[in-house]
Amino acid sequence: MKRVHLIISGDVQGVGYRAWVDQASLGKTRDKQEKSITGWVKNREDGAVEVVAEGEKKDLEDLIGACHKGPEVAFVEKIQVEWEKATGEFMGFEVVY
């Protein structure tokens, strides 16, 4: 298990980006009860979106790749990626408001 901390910059607020990341965290399971990735996503005051996610490294790499695209109406300028040690503190994946 790994943990990744993402700061996503660009036109990513007000375009459904957080809900889109929540769906992307499902990975291949497509079942909210069996998410492949746990953690959270939230808007930041500086206009970026922040994600902290834990899971298998391949699943997290897939999530990062998906975050570079985002929902159709978003424009992702840059993603800051920091790999960290997983803590196992999350039970699911949530959108923080």
N, C-alpha and C. Protein backbone atom coordinates (compact mmCIF):
# COMPACT_ATOMS: atom_id res chain seq x y z
N MET A 1 0.85 -1.19 0.00
CA MET A 1 0.00 0.00 0.00
C MET A 1 0.89 1.24 0.00
N LYS A 2 0.44 2.23 -0.76
CA LYS A 2 1.15 3.51 -0.86
C LYS A 2 0.14 4.63 -0.60
N ARG A 3 0.69 5.83 -0.42
CA ARG A 3 -0.12 7.03 -0.23
C ARG A 3 0.42 8.08 -1.17
N VAL A 4 -0.49 8.83 -1.79
CA VAL A 4 -0.08 9.92 -2.67
C VAL A 4 -0.85 11.18 -2.28
N HIS A 5 -0.14 12.30 -2.33
CA HIS A 5 -0.73 13.61 -2.03
C HIS A 5 -0.62 14.43 -3.31
N LEU A 6 -1.77 14.87 -3.83
CA LEU A 6 -1.81 15.60 -5.10
C LEU A 6 -2.34 17.01 -4.89
N ILE A 7 -1.73 17.97 -5.56
CA ILE A 7 -2.27 19.32 -5.67
C ILE A 7 -2.47 19.55 -7.16
N ILE A 8 -3.72 19.73 -7.57
CA ILE A 8 -4.08 19.84 -8.98
C ILE A 8 -4.45 21.29 -9.27
N SER A 9 -3.70 21.91 -10.18
CA SER A 9 -3.90 23.32 -10.51
C SER A 9 -4.46 23.47 -11.91
N GLY A 10 -5.16 24.57 -12.12
CA GLY A 10 -5.75 24.87 -13.42
C GLY A 10 -7.19 25.31 -13.21
N ASP A 11 -8.03 25.07 -14.20
CA ASP A 11 -9.46 25.36 -14.09
C ASP A 11 -10.13 24.09 -13.58
N VAL A 12 -10.06 23.88 -12.26
CA VAL A 12 -10.50 22.61 -11.67
C VAL A 12 -11.56 22.78 -10.58
N GLN A 13 -11.98 24.00 -10.32
CA GLN A 13 -13.07 24.21 -9.35
C GLN A 13 -14.30 24.69 -10.10
N GLY A 14 -15.47 24.24 -9.64
CA GLY A 14 -16.72 24.64 -10.26
C GLY A 14 -17.01 23.88 -11.55
N VAL A 15 -16.29 22.79 -11.77
CA VAL A 15 -16.48 22.01 -13.00
C VAL A 15 -16.75 20.53 -12.71
N GLY A 16 -17.05 20.21 -11.45
CA GLY A 16 -17.34 18.83 -11.06
C GLY A 16 -16.11 17.97 -10.86
N TYR A 17 -14.96 18.61 -10.66
CA TYR A 17 -13.72 17.85 -10.54
C TYR A 17 -13.69 16.94 -9.32
N ARG A 18 -14.16 17.43 -8.16
CA ARG A 18 -14.13 16.59 -6.96
C ARG A 18 -14.99 15.35 -7.12
N ALA A 19 -16.20 15.51 -7.64
CA ALA A 19 -17.08 14.35 -7.86
C ALA A 19 -16.47 13.40 -8.88
N TRP A 20 -15.79 13.95 -9.87
CA TRP A 20 -15.14 13.14 -10.88
C TRP A 20 -14.01 12.31 -10.25
N VAL A 21 -13.20 12.92 -9.37
CA VAL A 21 -12.13 12.18 -8.68
C VAL A 21 -12.74 11.09 -7.80
N ASP A 22 -13.86 11.39 -7.15
CA ASP A 22 -14.53 10.39 -6.32
C ASP A 22 -14.88 9.17 -7.16
N GLN A 23 -15.43 9.38 -8.36
CA GLN A 23 -15.75 8.26 -9.25
C GLN A 23 -14.49 7.57 -9.74
N ALA A 24 -13.45 8.33 -10.04
CA ALA A 24 -12.18 7.75 -10.51
C ALA A 24 -11.55 6.88 -9.44
N SER A 25 -11.80 7.19 -8.16
CA SER A 25 -11.22 6.40 -7.07
C SER A 25 -11.79 4.99 -7.01
N LEU A 26 -12.90 4.77 -7.71
CA LEU A 26 -13.48 3.43 -7.74
C LEU A 26 -12.60 2.46 -8.49
N GLY A 27 -11.75 2.96 -9.35
CA GLY A 27 -10.90 2.07 -10.14
C GLY A 27 -11.74 1.15 -10.98
N LYS A 28 -11.34 -0.09 -11.05
CA LYS A 28 -12.04 -1.05 -11.89
C LYS A 28 -13.24 -1.67 -11.20
N THR A 29 -13.41 -1.46 -9.89
CA THR A 29 -14.48 -2.15 -9.16
C THR A 29 -15.85 -1.56 -9.46
N ARG A 30 -15.92 -0.24 -9.63
CA ARG A 30 -17.19 0.46 -9.88
C ARG A 30 -18.23 0.20 -8.79
N ASP A 31 -17.78 -0.19 -7.62
CA ASP A 31 -18.68 -0.47 -6.50
C ASP A 31 -18.23 0.34 -5.30
N LYS A 32 -19.07 1.27 -4.85
CA LYS A 32 -18.69 2.15 -3.75
C LYS A 32 -18.32 1.37 -2.48
N GLN A 33 -18.84 0.16 -2.33
CA GLN A 33 -18.51 -0.63 -1.15
C GLN A 33 -17.13 -1.27 -1.25
N GLU A 34 -16.58 -1.32 -2.44
CA GLU A 34 -15.29 -1.97 -2.65
C GLU A 34 -14.33 -1.07 -3.40
N LYS A 35 -14.22 0.17 -2.98
CA LYS A 35 -13.32 1.10 -3.65
C LYS A 35 -11.89 0.60 -3.58
N SER A 36 -11.18 0.79 -4.69
CA SER A 36 -9.79 0.35 -4.72
C SER A 36 -8.87 1.38 -4.08
N ILE A 37 -9.36 2.60 -3.90
CA ILE A 37 -8.57 3.69 -3.33
C ILE A 37 -9.37 4.34 -2.21
N THR A 38 -8.69 4.67 -1.11
CA THR A 38 -9.32 5.38 0.00
C THR A 38 -8.66 6.75 0.14
N GLY A 39 -9.35 7.66 0.83
CA GLY A 39 -8.79 8.99 1.08
C GLY A 39 -9.84 10.07 0.91
N TRP A 40 -9.42 11.23 0.40
CA TRP A 40 -10.35 12.35 0.25
C TRP A 40 -9.89 13.30 -0.85
N VAL A 41 -10.83 14.13 -1.29
CA VAL A 41 -10.57 15.19 -2.27
C VAL A 41 -11.29 16.44 -1.78
N LYS A 42 -10.64 17.61 -1.93
CA LYS A 42 -11.28 18.86 -1.51
C LYS A 42 -10.76 20.02 -2.35
N ASN A 43 -11.56 21.08 -2.41
CA ASN A 43 -11.13 22.34 -3.01
C ASN A 43 -10.25 23.08 -2.03
N ARG A 44 -9.25 23.78 -2.56
CA ARG A 44 -8.39 24.62 -1.74
C ARG A 44 -8.75 26.09 -1.99
N GLU A 45 -8.43 26.92 -1.04
CA GLU A 45 -8.74 28.35 -1.17
C GLU A 45 -7.98 29.01 -2.32
N ASP A 46 -6.86 28.44 -2.73
CA ASP A 46 -6.07 29.03 -3.82
C ASP A 46 -6.57 28.63 -5.21
N GLY A 47 -7.69 27.91 -5.30
CA GLY A 47 -8.28 27.53 -6.58
C GLY A 47 -7.86 26.15 -7.06
N ALA A 48 -6.97 25.51 -6.35
CA ALA A 48 -6.53 24.15 -6.71
C ALA A 48 -7.44 23.12 -6.04
N VAL A 49 -7.27 21.88 -6.44
CA VAL A 49 -7.95 20.74 -5.81
C VAL A 49 -6.86 19.89 -5.17
N GLU A 50 -7.12 19.41 -3.95
CA GLU A 50 -6.16 18.59 -3.22
C GLU A 50 -6.72 17.19 -3.03
N VAL A 51 -5.87 16.19 -3.22
CA VAL A 51 -6.26 14.80 -3.05
C VAL A 51 -5.23 14.11 -2.17
N VAL A 52 -5.70 13.35 -1.20
CA VAL A 52 -4.85 12.43 -0.44
C VAL A 52 -5.49 11.06 -0.63
N ALA A 53 -4.71 10.13 -1.18
CA ALA A 53 -5.27 8.82 -1.51
C ALA A 53 -4.30 7.71 -1.14
N GLU A 54 -4.88 6.57 -0.73
CA GLU A 54 -4.09 5.40 -0.41
C GLU A 54 -4.63 4.20 -1.18
N GLY A 55 -3.73 3.32 -1.55
CA GLY A 55 -4.11 2.11 -2.26
C GLY A 55 -2.89 1.44 -2.84
N GLU A 56 -3.13 0.49 -3.73
CA GLU A 56 -2.03 -0.17 -4.43
C GLU A 56 -1.37 0.85 -5.37
N LYS A 57 -0.06 0.77 -5.51
CA LYS A 57 0.67 1.76 -6.31
C LYS A 57 0.11 1.87 -7.72
N LYS A 58 -0.19 0.75 -8.37
CA LYS A 58 -0.72 0.77 -9.74
C LYS A 58 -2.05 1.51 -9.79
N ASP A 59 -2.93 1.28 -8.81
CA ASP A 59 -4.22 1.98 -8.77
C ASP A 59 -4.02 3.48 -8.58
N LEU A 60 -3.06 3.86 -7.73
CA LEU A 60 -2.77 5.29 -7.51
C LEU A 60 -2.17 5.92 -8.76
N GLU A 61 -1.30 5.20 -9.46
CA GLU A 61 -0.75 5.71 -10.71
C GLU A 61 -1.85 5.91 -11.74
N ASP A 62 -2.81 4.98 -11.79
CA ASP A 62 -3.96 5.13 -12.70
C ASP A 62 -4.77 6.36 -12.33
N LEU A 63 -4.97 6.60 -11.03
CA LEU A 63 -5.70 7.77 -10.57
C LEU A 63 -4.98 9.06 -10.98
N ILE A 64 -3.67 9.08 -10.80
CA ILE A 64 -2.89 10.26 -11.19
C ILE A 64 -3.04 10.52 -12.69
N GLY A 65 -2.94 9.47 -13.48
CA GLY A 65 -3.11 9.61 -14.92
C GLY A 65 -4.49 10.16 -15.27
N ALA A 66 -5.52 9.65 -14.59
CA ALA A 66 -6.87 10.13 -14.82
C ALA A 66 -7.02 11.59 -14.40
N CYS A 67 -6.35 11.97 -13.30
CA CYS A 67 -6.45 13.35 -12.81
C CYS A 67 -5.82 14.34 -13.79
N HIS A 68 -4.88 13.90 -14.60
CA HIS A 68 -4.30 14.78 -15.62
C HIS A 68 -5.34 15.17 -16.66
N LYS A 69 -6.34 14.31 -16.86
CA LYS A 69 -7.41 14.59 -17.82
C LYS A 69 -8.56 15.32 -17.13
N GLY A 70 -9.05 14.75 -16.04
CA GLY A 70 -10.18 15.33 -15.33
C GLY A 70 -11.46 15.25 -16.12
N PRO A 71 -12.53 15.84 -15.62
CA PRO A 71 -13.79 15.87 -16.38
C PRO A 71 -13.62 16.73 -17.63
N GLU A 72 -14.47 16.51 -18.58
CA GLU A 72 -14.35 17.16 -19.89
C GLU A 72 -14.24 18.68 -19.82
N VAL A 73 -14.94 19.32 -18.89
CA VAL A 73 -14.96 20.79 -18.82
C VAL A 73 -13.82 21.38 -18.00
N ALA A 74 -12.99 20.52 -17.41
CA ALA A 74 -11.86 21.00 -16.60
C ALA A 74 -10.63 21.22 -17.49
N PHE A 75 -9.73 22.07 -17.00
CA PHE A 75 -8.42 22.24 -17.64
C PHE A 75 -7.37 22.06 -16.56
N VAL A 76 -6.61 20.98 -16.65
CA VAL A 76 -5.57 20.69 -15.67
C VAL A 76 -4.26 21.27 -16.20
N GLU A 77 -3.74 22.24 -15.46
CA GLU A 77 -2.48 22.88 -15.83
C GLU A 77 -1.29 22.10 -15.32
N LYS A 78 -1.37 21.64 -14.07
CA LYS A 78 -0.24 20.97 -13.44
C LYS A 78 -0.72 20.15 -12.25
N ILE A 79 0.00 19.06 -11.98
CA ILE A 79 -0.26 18.24 -10.79
C ILE A 79 1.04 18.07 -10.04
N GLN A 80 1.02 18.48 -8.78
CA GLN A 80 2.15 18.24 -7.87
C GLN A 80 1.90 16.91 -7.19
N VAL A 81 2.85 15.99 -7.28
CA VAL A 81 2.70 14.63 -6.76
C VAL A 81 3.74 14.38 -5.68
N GLU A 82 3.29 13.97 -4.51
CA GLU A 82 4.20 13.57 -3.43
C GLU A 82 3.80 12.18 -2.95
N TRP A 83 4.73 11.23 -3.07
CA TRP A 83 4.50 9.87 -2.57
C TRP A 83 4.88 9.83 -1.10
N GLU A 84 4.04 9.14 -0.32
CA GLU A 84 4.25 9.03 1.11
C GLU A 84 3.98 7.59 1.56
N LYS A 85 4.30 7.32 2.79
CA LYS A 85 4.00 6.01 3.37
C LYS A 85 2.52 5.95 3.75
N ALA A 86 1.85 4.88 3.40
CA ALA A 86 0.43 4.72 3.74
C ALA A 86 0.25 4.59 5.25
N THR A 87 -0.85 5.16 5.75
CA THR A 87 -1.15 5.09 7.18
C THR A 87 -2.31 4.14 7.47
N GLY A 88 -3.13 3.85 6.47
CA GLY A 88 -4.30 2.99 6.67
C GLY A 88 -5.42 3.67 7.44
N GLU A 89 -5.39 5.00 7.52
CA GLU A 89 -6.36 5.71 8.34
C GLU A 89 -7.74 5.87 7.70
N PHE A 90 -7.87 5.64 6.41
CA PHE A 90 -9.14 5.89 5.72
C PHE A 90 -9.96 4.62 5.56
N MET A 91 -11.27 4.74 5.72
CA MET A 91 -12.18 3.61 5.53
C MET A 91 -12.80 3.62 4.14
N GLY A 92 -12.82 4.75 3.50
CA GLY A 92 -13.41 4.89 2.17
C GLY A 92 -12.82 6.12 1.52
N PHE A 93 -13.47 6.57 0.46
CA PHE A 93 -13.03 7.79 -0.23
C PHE A 93 -14.17 8.80 -0.14
N GLU A 94 -13.84 10.04 0.22
CA GLU A 94 -14.91 11.03 0.38
C GLU A 94 -14.55 12.37 -0.25
N VAL A 95 -15.60 13.08 -0.61
CA VAL A 95 -15.47 14.46 -1.08
C VAL A 95 -15.65 15.35 0.15
N VAL A 96 -14.66 16.20 0.41
CA VAL A 96 -14.71 17.10 1.56
C VAL A 96 -15.23 18.45 1.07
N TYR A 97 -16.27 18.96 1.74
CA TYR A 97 -16.86 20.25 1.35
C TYR A 97 -16.46 21.33 2.31
